Amino acid sequence: MRRNAFLLIVLAVAPAIVFGQTDASNTTQNSKPSKHKTMTGCLSGGTADEYRLKDDKGKTVLLYSTNVELDAYVGKSVTVVGDQSATPSTDTGTGRPLPHFKVIEARPGSGRCK
């Protein structure tokens, strides 16, 4: 009888111990990824400190930055890191709204511009 009671207790407690533990290494490796996006393309100048980046797939976004000097990259391939706005531009020159992209870092790209 004692043996059956002991076995019952072990069977009831063991799953709680096993499933109650967490793997500490797993929580650090699965932390949230950076929300920043990286884009590469040809940079062209715009108006009012806005620039256009056209990637190799033909997608165009409007770039702006408060701390990165983008003038040096106009007419060249550039890789930018930043955050894309959920609100598109009201640019009427293209006939369709373009996404805004706030640049936090820029470096020369590996592509060529035409």
PDB file of N, CA and C in Angstrom:
ATOM      1  N   MET A   1       0.820  -1.183   0.000  1.00  0.00           N
ATOM      2  CA  MET A   1       0.000   0.000   0.000  1.00  0.00           C
ATOM      3  C   MET A   1       0.872   1.259   0.000  1.00  0.00           C
ATOM      4  N   ARG A   2       1.893   1.258   0.880  1.00  0.00           N
ATOM      5  CA  ARG A   2       2.813   2.403   0.918  1.00  0.00           C
ATOM      6  C   ARG A   2       3.533   2.557  -0.417  1.00  0.00           C
ATOM      7  N   ARG A   3       3.849   1.440  -0.979  1.00  0.00           N
ATOM      8  CA  ARG A   3       4.552   1.445  -2.247  1.00  0.00           C
ATOM      9  C   ARG A   3       3.677   2.079  -3.338  1.00  0.00           C
ATOM     10  N   ASN A   4       2.419   1.764  -3.378  1.00  0.00           N
ATOM     11  CA  ASN A   4       1.506   2.340  -4.361  1.00  0.00           C
ATOM     12  C   ASN A   4       1.321   3.839  -4.136  1.00  0.00           C
ATOM     13  N   ALA A   5       1.230   4.257  -2.879  1.00  0.00           N
ATOM     14  CA  ALA A   5       1.078   5.676  -2.562  1.00  0.00           C
ATOM     15  C   ALA A   5       2.329   6.449  -2.978  1.00  0.00           C
ATOM     16  N   PHE A   6       3.497   5.872  -2.703  1.00  0.00           N
ATOM     17  CA  PHE A   6       4.751   6.517  -3.091  1.00  0.00           C
ATOM     18  C   PHE A   6       4.842   6.647  -4.615  1.00  0.00           C
ATOM     19  N   LEU A   7       4.501   5.598  -5.325  1.00  0.00           N
ATOM     20  CA  LEU A   7       4.525   5.614  -6.788  1.00  0.00           C
ATOM     21  C   LEU A   7       3.554   6.656  -7.345  1.00  0.00           C
ATOM     22  N   LEU A   8       2.391   6.765  -6.744  1.00  0.00           N
ATOM     23  CA  LEU A   8       1.402   7.756  -7.158  1.00  0.00           C
ATOM     24  C   LEU A   8       1.921   9.181  -6.955  1.00  0.00           C
ATOM     25  N   ILE A   9       2.574   9.423  -5.845  1.00  0.00           N
ATOM     26  CA  ILE A   9       3.142  10.749  -5.559  1.00  0.00           C
ATOM     27  C   ILE A   9       4.245  11.077  -6.556  1.00  0.00           C
ATOM     28  N   VAL A  10       5.109  10.133  -6.830  1.00  0.00           N
ATOM     29  CA  VAL A  10       6.201  10.351  -7.782  1.00  0.00           C
ATOM     30  C   VAL A  10       5.639  10.653  -9.171  1.00  0.00           C
ATOM     31  N   LEU A  11       4.639   9.897  -9.577  1.00  0.00           N
ATOM     32  CA  LEU A  11       4.040  10.117 -10.891  1.00  0.00           C
ATOM     33  C   LEU A  11       3.307  11.454 -10.982  1.00  0.00           C
ATOM     34  N   ALA A  12       2.794  11.955  -9.886  1.00  0.00           N
ATOM     35  CA  ALA A  12       2.088  13.226  -9.887  1.00  0.00           C
ATOM     36  C   ALA A  12       3.050  14.406  -9.839  1.00  0.00           C
ATOM     37  N   VAL A  13       4.148  14.286  -9.131  1.00  0.00           N
ATOM     38  CA  VAL A  13       5.088  15.395  -8.925  1.00  0.00           C
ATOM     39  C   VAL A  13       6.105  15.506 -10.065  1.00  0.00           C
ATOM     40  N   ALA A  14       6.527  14.391 -10.637  1.00  0.00           N
ATOM     41  CA  ALA A  14       7.575  14.402 -11.663  1.00  0.00           C
ATOM     42  C   ALA A  14       7.227  15.293 -12.860  1.00  0.00           C
ATOM     43  N   PRO A  15       6.029  15.208 -13.451  1.00  0.00           N
ATOM     44  CA  PRO A  15       5.737  16.099 -14.583  1.00  0.00           C
ATOM     45  C   PRO A  15       5.762  17.585 -14.206  1.00  0.00           C
ATOM     46  N   ALA A  16       5.345  17.905 -13.008  1.00  0.00           N
ATOM     47  CA  ALA A  16       5.363  19.302 -12.573  1.00  0.00           C
ATOM     48  C   ALA A  16       6.790  19.820 -12.498  1.00  0.00           C
ATOM     49  N   ILE A  17       7.688  18.981 -12.044  1.00  0.00           N
ATOM     50  CA  ILE A  17       9.099  19.388 -11.949  1.00  0.00           C
ATOM     51  C   ILE A  17       9.689  19.529 -13.346  1.00  0.00           C
ATOM     52  N   VAL A  18       9.427  18.579 -14.227  1.00  0.00           N
ATOM     53  CA  VAL A  18       9.998  18.601 -15.574  1.00  0.00           C
ATOM     54  C   VAL A  18       9.461  19.772 -16.389  1.00  0.00           C
ATOM     55  N   PHE A  19       8.156  19.975 -16.394  1.00  0.00           N
ATOM     56  CA  PHE A  19       7.565  21.025 -17.213  1.00  0.00           C
ATOM     57  C   PHE A  19       7.676  22.403 -16.584  1.00  0.00           C
ATOM     58  N   GLY A  20       7.997  22.488 -15.326  1.00  0.00           N
ATOM     59  CA  GLY A  20       8.129  23.777 -14.655  1.00  0.00           C
ATOM     60  C   GLY A  20       9.474  24.430 -14.866  1.00  0.00           C
ATOM     61  N   GLN A  21      10.448  23.687 -15.392  1.00  0.00           N
ATOM     62  CA  GLN A  21      11.778  24.237 -15.608  1.00  0.00           C
ATOM     63  C   GLN A  21      11.854  24.917 -16.960  1.00  0.00           C
ATOM     64  N   THR A  22      12.642  26.001 -17.031  1.00  0.00           N
ATOM     65  CA  THR A  22      12.879  26.672 -18.306  1.00  0.00           C
ATOM     66  C   THR A  22      14.355  26.611 -18.617  1.00  0.00           C
ATOM     67  N   ASP A  23      14.655  26.618 -19.878  1.00  0.00           N
ATOM     68  CA  ASP A  23      16.034  26.602 -20.337  1.00  0.00           C
ATOM     69  C   ASP A  23      16.528  28.045 -20.430  1.00  0.00           C
ATOM     70  N   ALA A  24      17.455  28.434 -19.567  1.00  0.00           N
ATOM     71  CA  ALA A  24      17.933  29.819 -19.518  1.00  0.00           C
ATOM     72  C   ALA A  24      18.646  30.218 -20.808  1.00  0.00           C
ATOM     73  N   SER A  25      19.354  29.288 -21.426  1.00  0.00           N
ATOM     74  CA  SER A  25      20.054  29.641 -22.662  1.00  0.00           C
ATOM     75  C   SER A  25      19.073  29.909 -23.793  1.00  0.00           C
ATOM     76  N   ASN A  26      17.929  29.277 -23.758  1.00  0.00           N
ATOM     77  CA  ASN A  26      16.924  29.476 -24.791  1.00  0.00           C
ATOM     78  C   ASN A  26      16.295  30.867 -24.712  1.00  0.00           C
ATOM     79  N   THR A  27      16.132  31.414 -23.536  1.00  0.00           N
ATOM     80  CA  THR A  27      15.499  32.724 -23.415  1.00  0.00           C
ATOM     81  C   THR A  27      16.406  33.833 -23.934  1.00  0.00           C
ATOM     82  N   THR A  28      17.724  33.707 -23.797  1.00  0.00           N
ATOM     83  CA  THR A  28      18.607  34.751 -24.304  1.00  0.00           C
ATOM     84  C   THR A  28      18.764  34.654 -25.811  1.00  0.00           C
ATOM     85  N   GLN A  29      18.737  33.454 -26.359  1.00  0.00           N
ATOM     86  CA  GLN A  29      18.892  33.299 -27.792  1.00  0.00           C
ATOM     87  C   GLN A  29      17.631  33.696 -28.538  1.00  0.00           C
ATOM     88  N   ASN A  30      16.476  33.583 -27.924  1.00  0.00           N
ATOM     89  CA  ASN A  30      15.228  33.892 -28.594  1.00  0.00           C
ATOM     90  C   ASN A  30      14.693  35.261 -28.226  1.00  0.00           C
ATOM     91  N   SER A  31      15.575  36.183 -27.872  1.00  0.00           N
ATOM     92  CA  SER A  31      15.110  37.529 -27.563  1.00  0.00           C
ATOM     93  C   SER A  31      14.614  38.177 -28.844  1.00  0.00           C
ATOM     94  N   LYS A  32      13.852  39.258 -28.705  1.00  0.00           N
ATOM     95  CA  LYS A  32      13.250  39.917 -29.858  1.00  0.00           C
ATOM     96  C   LYS A  32      14.323  40.378 -30.839  1.00  0.00           C
ATOM     97  N   PRO A  33      14.113  40.130 -32.123  1.00  0.00           N
ATOM     98  CA  PRO A  33      15.059  40.620 -33.112  1.00  0.00           C
ATOM     99  C   PRO A  33      14.937  42.133 -33.255  1.00  0.00           C
ATOM    100  N   SER A  34      15.989  42.726 -33.792  1.00  0.00           N
ATOM    101  CA  SER A  34      15.982  44.170 -34.009  1.00  0.00           C
ATOM    102  C   SER A  34      14.871  44.537 -34.973  1.00  0.00           C
ATOM    103  N   LYS A  35      14.199  45.635 -34.689  1.00  0.00           N
ATOM    104  CA  LYS A  35      13.116  46.054 -35.573  1.00  0.00           C
ATOM    105  C   LYS A  35      13.634  46.817 -36.789  1.00  0.00           C
ATOM    106  N   HIS A  36      14.916  47.133 -36.825  1.00  0.00           N
ATOM    107  CA  HIS A  36      15.474  47.894 -37.933  1.00  0.00           C
ATOM    108  C   HIS A  36      15.542  47.039 -39.194  1.00  0.00           C
ATOM    109  N   LYS A  37      15.332  47.707 -40.310  1.00  0.00           N
ATOM    110  CA  LYS A  37      15.338  47.054 -41.612  1.00  0.00           C
ATOM    111  C   LYS A  37      16.543  47.555 -42.399  1.00  0.00           C
ATOM    112  N   THR A  38      17.113  46.704 -43.244  1.00  0.00           N
ATOM    113  CA  THR A  38      18.236  47.081 -44.095  1.00  0.00           C
ATOM    114  C   THR A  38      17.779  47.040 -45.547  1.00  0.00           C
ATOM    115  N   MET A  39      18.143  48.088 -46.296  1.00  0.00           N
ATOM    116  CA  MET A  39      17.797  48.168 -47.712  1.00  0.00           C
ATOM    117  C   MET A  39      19.027  48.621 -48.496  1.00  0.00           C
ATOM    118  N   THR A  40      19.169  48.123 -49.712  1.00  0.00           N
ATOM    119  CA  THR A  40      20.255  48.538 -50.597  1.00  0.00           C
ATOM    120  C   THR A  40      19.668  48.929 -51.936  1.00  0.00           C
ATOM    121  N   GLY A  41      20.170  50.026 -52.473  1.00  0.00           N
ATOM    122  CA  GLY A  41      19.701  50.486 -53.774  1.00  0.00           C
ATOM    123  C   GLY A  41      20.400  51.752 -54.194  1.00  0.00           C
ATOM    124  N   CYS A  42      19.901  52.354 -55.263  1.00  0.00           N
ATOM    125  CA  CYS A  42      20.468  53.597 -55.787  1.00  0.00           C
ATOM    126  C   CYS A  42      19.745  54.793 -55.185  1.00  0.00           C
ATOM    127  N   LEU A  43      20.517  55.734 -54.717  1.00  0.00           N
ATOM    128  CA  LEU A  43      19.961  56.907 -54.056  1.00  0.00           C
ATOM    129  C   LEU A  43      19.905  58.078 -55.024  1.00  0.00           C
ATOM    130  N   SER A  44      18.760  58.720 -55.054  1.00  0.00           N
ATOM    131  CA  SER A  44      18.618  59.944 -55.845  1.00  0.00           C
ATOM    132  C   SER A  44      18.148  61.052 -54.919  1.00  0.00           C
ATOM    133  N   GLY A  45      18.500  62.280 -55.292  1.00  0.00           N
ATOM    134  CA  GLY A  45      18.138  63.427 -54.476  1.00  0.00           C
ATOM    135  C   GLY A  45      16.674  63.770 -54.601  1.00  0.00           C
ATOM    136  N   GLY A  46      16.206  64.477 -53.621  1.00  0.00           N
ATOM    137  CA  GLY A  46      14.814  64.896 -53.635  1.00  0.00           C
ATOM    138  C   GLY A  46      14.714  66.330 -53.174  1.00  0.00           C
ATOM    139  N   THR A  47      13.574  66.678 -52.672  1.00  0.00           N
ATOM    140  CA  THR A  47      13.368  68.024 -52.164  1.00  0.00           C
ATOM    141  C   THR A  47      13.203  67.967 -50.655  1.00  0.00           C
ATOM    142  N   ALA A  48      13.514  69.058 -50.015  1.00  0.00           N
ATOM    143  CA  ALA A  48      13.328  69.224 -48.570  1.00  0.00           C
ATOM    144  C   ALA A  48      13.976  68.092 -47.770  1.00  0.00           C
ATOM    145  N   ASP A  49      15.215  67.771 -48.117  1.00  0.00           N
ATOM    146  CA  ASP A  49      15.980  66.740 -47.407  1.00  0.00           C
ATOM    147  C   ASP A  49      15.345  65.356 -47.461  1.00  0.00           C
ATOM    148  N   GLU A  50      14.575  65.098 -48.494  1.00  0.00           N
ATOM    149  CA  GLU A  50      14.058  63.753 -48.723  1.00  0.00           C
ATOM    150  C   GLU A  50      14.759  63.173 -49.938  1.00  0.00           C
ATOM    151  N   TYR A  51      15.063  61.918 -49.870  1.00  0.00           N
ATOM    152  CA  TYR A  51      15.764  61.223 -50.931  1.00  0.00           C
ATOM    153  C   TYR A  51      14.950  59.992 -51.330  1.00  0.00           C
ATOM    154  N   ARG A  52      15.230  59.478 -52.515  1.00  0.00           N
ATOM    155  CA  ARG A  52      14.558  58.272 -52.996  1.00  0.00           C
ATOM    156  C   ARG A  52      15.594  57.168 -53.142  1.00  0.00           C
ATOM    157  N   LEU A  53      15.223  55.995 -52.672  1.00  0.00           N
ATOM    158  CA  LEU A  53      16.065  54.813 -52.823  1.00  0.00           C
ATOM    159  C   LEU A  53      15.277  53.802 -53.647  1.00  0.00           C
ATOM    160  N   LYS A  54      15.876  53.377 -54.751  1.00  0.00           N
ATOM    161  CA  LYS A  54      15.237  52.381 -55.609  1.00  0.00           C
ATOM    162  C   LYS A  54      16.095  51.119 -55.562  1.00  0.00           C
ATOM    163  N   ASP A  55      15.483  50.015 -55.087  1.00  0.00           N
ATOM    164  CA  ASP A  55      16.249  48.775 -54.973  1.00  0.00           C
ATOM    165  C   ASP A  55      16.280  48.031 -56.309  1.00  0.00           C
ATOM    166  N   ASP A  56      16.969  46.906 -56.349  1.00  0.00           N
ATOM    167  CA  ASP A  56      17.141  46.162 -57.601  1.00  0.00           C
ATOM    168  C   ASP A  56      15.847  45.511 -58.090  1.00  0.00           C
ATOM    169  N   LYS A  57      14.821  45.473 -57.255  1.00  0.00           N
ATOM    170  CA  LYS A  57      13.529  44.928 -57.663  1.00  0.00           C
ATOM    171  C   LYS A  57      12.582  46.024 -58.142  1.00  0.00           C
ATOM    172  N   GLY A  58      13.054  47.274 -58.121  1.00  0.00           N
ATOM    173  CA  GLY A  58      12.248  48.389 -58.589  1.00  0.00           C
ATOM    174  C   GLY A  58      11.418  49.068 -57.518  1.00  0.00           C
ATOM    175  N   LYS A  59      11.525  48.616 -56.277  1.00  0.00           N
ATOM    176  CA  LYS A  59      10.772  49.232 -55.180  1.00  0.00           C
ATOM    177  C   LYS A  59      11.441  50.550 -54.799  1.00  0.00           C
ATOM    178  N   THR A  60      10.629  51.592 -54.668  1.00  0.00           N
ATOM    179  CA  THR A  60      11.139  52.916 -54.304  1.00  0.00           C
ATOM    180  C   THR A  60      10.572  53.338 -52.959  1.00  0.00           C
ATOM    181  N   VAL A  61      11.430  53.882 -52.108  1.00  0.00           N
ATOM    182  CA  VAL A  61      11.005  54.436 -50.826  1.00  0.00           C
ATOM    183  C   VAL A  61      11.589  55.837 -50.691  1.00  0.00           C
ATOM    184  N   LEU A  62      10.919  56.652 -49.903  1.00  0.00           N
ATOM    185  CA  LEU A  62      11.438  57.986 -49.586  1.00  0.00           C
ATOM    186  C   LEU A  62      12.269  57.879 -48.321  1.00  0.00           C
ATOM    187  N   LEU A  63      13.509  58.360 -48.390  1.00  0.00           N
ATOM    188  CA  LEU A  63      14.405  58.324 -47.241  1.00  0.00           C
ATOM    189  C   LEU A  63      14.509  59.705 -46.618  1.00  0.00           C
ATOM    190  N   TYR A  64      14.668  59.725 -45.313  1.00  0.00           N
ATOM    191  CA  TYR A  64      14.991  60.958 -44.612  1.00  0.00           C
ATOM    192  C   TYR A  64      15.802  60.597 -43.377  1.00  0.00           C
ATOM    193  N   SER A  65      16.552  61.568 -42.878  1.00  0.00           N
ATOM    194  CA  SER A  65      17.360  61.327 -41.688  1.00  0.00           C
ATOM    195  C   SER A  65      17.634  62.642 -40.978  1.00  0.00           C
ATOM    196  N   THR A  66      17.678  62.550 -39.667  1.00  0.00           N
ATOM    197  CA  THR A  66      18.010  63.727 -38.868  1.00  0.00           C
ATOM    198  C   THR A  66      19.479  63.721 -38.447  1.00  0.00           C
ATOM    199  N   ASN A  67      20.162  62.566 -38.626  1.00  0.00           N
ATOM    200  CA  ASN A  67      21.552  62.497 -38.165  1.00  0.00           C
ATOM    201  C   ASN A  67      22.525  61.888 -39.175  1.00  0.00           C
ATOM    202  N   VAL A  68      22.053  61.448 -40.352  1.00  0.00           N
ATOM    203  CA  VAL A  68      22.935  60.872 -41.367  1.00  0.00           C
ATOM    204  C   VAL A  68      22.922  61.786 -42.578  1.00  0.00           C
ATOM    205  N   GLU A  69      24.111  62.152 -43.052  1.00  0.00           N
ATOM    206  CA  GLU A  69      24.252  63.010 -44.228  1.00  0.00           C
ATOM    207  C   GLU A  69      24.142  62.147 -45.482  1.00  0.00           C
ATOM    208  N   LEU A  70      23.010  62.220 -46.150  1.00  0.00           N
ATOM    209  CA  LEU A  70      22.758  61.371 -47.313  1.00  0.00           C
ATOM    210  C   LEU A  70      23.245  61.976 -48.629  1.00  0.00           C
ATOM    211  N   ASP A  71      23.582  63.265 -48.656  1.00  0.00           N
ATOM    212  CA  ASP A  71      24.031  63.920 -49.884  1.00  0.00           C
ATOM    213  C   ASP A  71      25.229  63.216 -50.520  1.00  0.00           C
ATOM    214  N   ALA A  72      26.124  62.687 -49.709  1.00  0.00           N
ATOM    215  CA  ALA A  72      27.335  62.045 -50.217  1.00  0.00           C
ATOM    216  C   ALA A  72      27.039  60.775 -51.010  1.00  0.00           C
ATOM    217  N   TYR A  73      25.851  60.213 -50.861  1.00  0.00           N
ATOM    218  CA  TYR A  73      25.500  58.953 -51.517  1.00  0.00           C
ATOM    219  C   TYR A  73      24.616  59.133 -52.749  1.00  0.00           C
ATOM    220  N   VAL A  74      24.226  60.352 -53.071  1.00  0.00           N
ATOM    221  CA  VAL A  74      23.340  60.591 -54.215  1.00  0.00           C
ATOM    222  C   VAL A  74      24.027  60.125 -55.504  1.00  0.00           C
ATOM    223  N   GLY A  75      23.294  59.341 -56.300  1.00  0.00           N
ATOM    224  CA  GLY A  75      23.819  58.808 -57.545  1.00  0.00           C
ATOM    225  C   GLY A  75      24.640  57.544 -57.383  1.00  0.00           C
ATOM    226  N   LYS A  76      24.711  57.029 -56.159  1.00  0.00           N
ATOM    227  CA  LYS A  76      25.518  55.845 -55.867  1.00  0.00           C
ATOM    228  C   LYS A  76      24.669  54.769 -55.210  1.00  0.00           C
ATOM    229  N   SER A  77      25.242  53.576 -55.179  1.00  0.00           N
ATOM    230  CA  SER A  77      24.615  52.477 -54.452  1.00  0.00           C
ATOM    231  C   SER A  77      24.892  52.672 -52.967  1.00  0.00           C
ATOM    232  N   VAL A  78      23.855  52.508 -52.156  1.00  0.00           N
ATOM    233  CA  VAL A  78      23.986  52.725 -50.720  1.00  0.00           C
ATOM    234  C   VAL A  78      23.167  51.659 -49.983  1.00  0.00           C
ATOM    235  N   THR A  79      23.675  51.267 -48.831  1.00  0.00           N
ATOM    236  CA  THR A  79      22.931  50.387 -47.933  1.00  0.00           C
ATOM    237  C   THR A  79      22.529  51.220 -46.733  1.00  0.00           C
ATOM    238  N   VAL A  80      21.240  51.244 -46.437  1.00  0.00           N
ATOM    239  CA  VAL A  80      20.731  52.023 -45.316  1.00  0.00           C
ATOM    240  C   VAL A  80      20.070  51.100 -44.300  1.00  0.00           C
ATOM    241  N   VAL A  81      20.168  51.501 -43.055  1.00  0.00           N
ATOM    242  CA  VAL A  81      19.534  50.785 -41.953  1.00  0.00           C
ATOM    243  C   VAL A  81      18.611  51.779 -41.277  1.00  0.00           C
ATOM    244  N   GLY A  82      17.409  51.349 -40.963  1.00  0.00           N
ATOM    245  CA  GLY A  82      16.478  52.253 -40.310  1.00  0.00           C
ATOM    246  C   GLY A  82      15.120  51.634 -40.100  1.00  0.00           C
ATOM    247  N   ASP A  83      14.129  52.500 -40.012  1.00  0.00           N
ATOM    248  CA  ASP A  83      12.767  52.072 -39.708  1.00  0.00           C
ATOM    249  C   ASP A  83      11.808  52.589 -40.772  1.00  0.00           C
ATOM    250  N   GLN A  84      10.983  51.688 -41.276  1.00  0.00           N
ATOM    251  CA  GLN A  84       9.992  52.076 -42.272  1.00  0.00           C
ATOM    252  C   GLN A  84       8.713  52.491 -41.570  1.00  0.00           C
ATOM    253  N   SER A  85       8.184  53.609 -41.981  1.00  0.00           N
ATOM    254  CA  SER A  85       6.945  54.128 -41.417  1.00  0.00           C
ATOM    255  C   SER A  85       5.754  53.350 -41.954  1.00  0.00           C
ATOM    256  N   ALA A  86       4.758  53.195 -41.127  1.00  0.00           N
ATOM    257  CA  ALA A  86       3.530  52.547 -41.568  1.00  0.00           C
ATOM    258  C   ALA A  86       2.685  53.495 -42.409  1.00  0.00           C
ATOM    259  N   THR A  87       2.959  54.791 -42.300  1.00  0.00           N
ATOM    260  CA  THR A  87       2.201  55.794 -43.036  1.00  0.00           C
ATOM    261  C   THR A  87       2.925  56.137 -44.328  1.00  0.00           C
ATOM    262  N   PRO A  88       2.311  55.912 -45.492  1.00  0.00           N
ATOM    263  CA  PRO A  88       2.970  56.250 -46.749  1.00  0.00           C
ATOM    264  C   PRO A  88       2.988  57.755 -46.978  1.00  0.00           C
ATOM    265  N   SER A  89       3.819  58.171 -47.916  1.00  0.00           N
ATOM    266  CA  SER A  89       3.915  59.590 -48.256  1.00  0.00           C
ATOM    267  C   SER A  89       2.673  60.020 -49.021  1.00  0.00           C
ATOM    268  N   THR A  90       2.556  61.296 -49.177  1.00  0.00           N
ATOM    269  CA  THR A  90       1.475  61.846 -50.004  1.00  0.00           C
ATOM    270  C   THR A  90       2.076  62.401 -51.288  1.00  0.00           C
ATOM    271  N   ASP A  91       3.149  61.773 -51.745  1.00  0.00           N
ATOM    272  CA  ASP A  91       3.849  62.208 -52.950  1.00  0.00           C
ATOM    273  C   ASP A  91       2.929  62.088 -54.166  1.00  0.00           C
ATOM    274  N   THR A  92       2.675  63.203 -54.812  1.00  0.00           N
ATOM    275  CA  THR A  92       1.779  63.196 -55.969  1.00  0.00           C
ATOM    276  C   THR A  92       2.530  63.036 -57.281  1.00  0.00           C
ATOM    277  N   GLY A  93       3.844  63.150 -57.256  1.00  0.00           N
ATOM    278  CA  GLY A  93       4.630  63.045 -58.478  1.00  0.00           C
ATOM    279  C   GLY A  93       4.691  61.640 -59.047  1.00  0.00           C
ATOM    280  N   THR A  94       4.506  60.641 -58.251  1.00  0.00           N
ATOM    281  CA  THR A  94       4.590  59.260 -58.730  1.00  0.00           C
ATOM    282  C   THR A  94       3.225  58.666 -59.045  1.00  0.00           C
ATOM    283  N   GLY A  95       2.183  59.302 -58.621  1.00  0.00           N
ATOM    284  CA  GLY A  95       0.855  58.769 -58.844  1.00  0.00           C
ATOM    285  C   GLY A  95       0.437  57.732 -57.815  1.00  0.00           C
ATOM    286  N   ARG A  96       1.356  57.371 -56.933  1.00  0.00           N
ATOM    287  CA  ARG A  96       1.035  56.428 -55.861  1.00  0.00           C
ATOM    288  C   ARG A  96       1.849  56.782 -54.632  1.00  0.00           C
ATOM    289  N   PRO A  97       1.319  56.505 -53.452  1.00  0.00           N
ATOM    290  CA  PRO A  97       2.075  56.824 -52.238  1.00  0.00           C
ATOM    291  C   PRO A  97       3.306  55.931 -52.095  1.00  0.00           C
ATOM    292  N   LEU A  98       4.368  56.501 -51.563  1.00  0.00           N
ATOM    293  CA  LEU A  98       5.604  55.760 -51.319  1.00  0.00           C
ATOM    294  C   LEU A  98       5.843  55.645 -49.819  1.00  0.00           C
ATOM    295  N   PRO A  99       6.402  54.522 -49.377  1.00  0.00           N
ATOM    296  CA  PRO A  99       6.708  54.396 -47.952  1.00  0.00           C
ATOM    297  C   PRO A  99       7.841  55.339 -47.543  1.00  0.00           C
ATOM    298  N   HIS A 100       7.774  55.823 -46.326  1.00  0.00           N
ATOM    299  CA  HIS A 100       8.852  56.623 -45.735  1.00  0.00           C
ATOM    300  C   HIS A 100       9.797  55.699 -44.990  1.00  0.00           C
ATOM    301  N   PHE A 101      11.086  56.013 -45.028  1.00  0.00           N
ATOM    302  CA  PHE A 101      12.100  55.207 -44.352  1.00  0.00           C
ATOM    303  C   PHE A 101      13.036  56.150 -43.616  1.00  0.00           C
ATOM    304  N   LYS A 102      13.069  56.062 -42.297  1.00  0.00           N
ATOM    305  CA  LYS A 102      13.954  56.909 -41.487  1.00  0.00           C
ATOM    306  C   LYS A 102      15.306  56.213 -41.338  1.00  0.00           C
ATOM    307  N   VAL A 103      16.341  56.828 -41.895  1.00  0.00           N
ATOM    308  CA  VAL A 103      17.682  56.248 -41.916  1.00  0.00           C
ATOM    309  C   VAL A 103      18.408  56.558 -40.605  1.00  0.00           C
ATOM    310  N   ILE A 104      18.987  55.519 -40.006  1.00  0.00           N
ATOM    311  CA  ILE A 104      19.815  55.721 -38.811  1.00  0.00           C
ATOM    312  C   ILE A 104      21.277  55.400 -39.084  1.00  0.00           C
ATOM    313  N   GLU A 105      21.532  54.716 -40.216  1.00  0.00           N
ATOM    314  CA  GLU A 105      22.904  54.383 -40.603  1.00  0.00           C
ATOM    315  C   GLU A 105      22.953  54.216 -42.112  1.00  0.00           C
ATOM    316  N   ALA A 106      24.048  54.661 -42.739  1.00  0.00           N
ATOM    317  CA  ALA A 106      24.233  54.495 -44.180  1.00  0.00           C
ATOM    318  C   ALA A 106      25.682  54.142 -44.457  1.00  0.00           C
ATOM    319  N   ARG A 107      25.875  53.289 -45.480  1.00  0.00           N
ATOM    320  CA  ARG A 107      27.228  52.915 -45.900  1.00  0.00           C
ATOM    321  C   ARG A 107      27.181  52.606 -47.397  1.00  0.00           C
ATOM    322  N   PRO A 108      28.322  52.667 -48.070  1.00  0.00           N
ATOM    323  CA  PRO A 108      28.327  52.371 -49.502  1.00  0.00           C
ATOM    324  C   PRO A 108      27.758  50.983 -49.781  1.00  0.00           C
ATOM    325  N   GLY A 109      26.965  50.886 -50.838  1.00  0.00           N
ATOM    326  CA  GLY A 109      26.376  49.615 -51.226  1.00  0.00           C
ATOM    327  C   GLY A 109      27.271  48.859 -52.179  1.00  0.00           C
ATOM    328  N   SER A 110      26.909  47.628 -52.462  1.00  0.00           N
ATOM    329  CA  SER A 110      27.739  46.794 -53.346  1.00  0.00           C
ATOM    330  C   SER A 110      27.260  46.813 -54.790  1.00  0.00           C
ATOM    331  N   GLY A 111      26.113  47.407 -55.048  1.00  0.00           N
ATOM    332  CA  GLY A 111      25.578  47.430 -56.406  1.00  0.00           C
ATOM    333  C   GLY A 111      26.071  48.603 -57.216  1.00  0.00           C
ATOM    334  N   ARG A 112      25.570  48.678 -58.449  1.00  0.00           N
ATOM    335  CA  ARG A 112      25.912  49.787 -59.339  1.00  0.00           C
ATOM    336  C   ARG A 112      24.637  50.512 -59.716  1.00  0.00           C
ATOM    337  N   CYS A 113      24.756  51.806 -59.880  1.00  0.00           N
ATOM    338  CA  CYS A 113      23.615  52.620 -60.290  1.00  0.00           C
ATOM    339  C   CYS A 113      23.760  52.990 -61.763  1.00  0.00           C
ATOM    340  N   LYS A 114      22.650  53.049 -62.443  1.00  0.00           N
ATOM    341  CA  LYS A 114      22.649  53.392 -63.870  1.00  0.00           C
ATOM    342  C   LYS A 114      22.515  54.883 -64.051  1.00  0.00           C
TER     343      LYS A 114
END
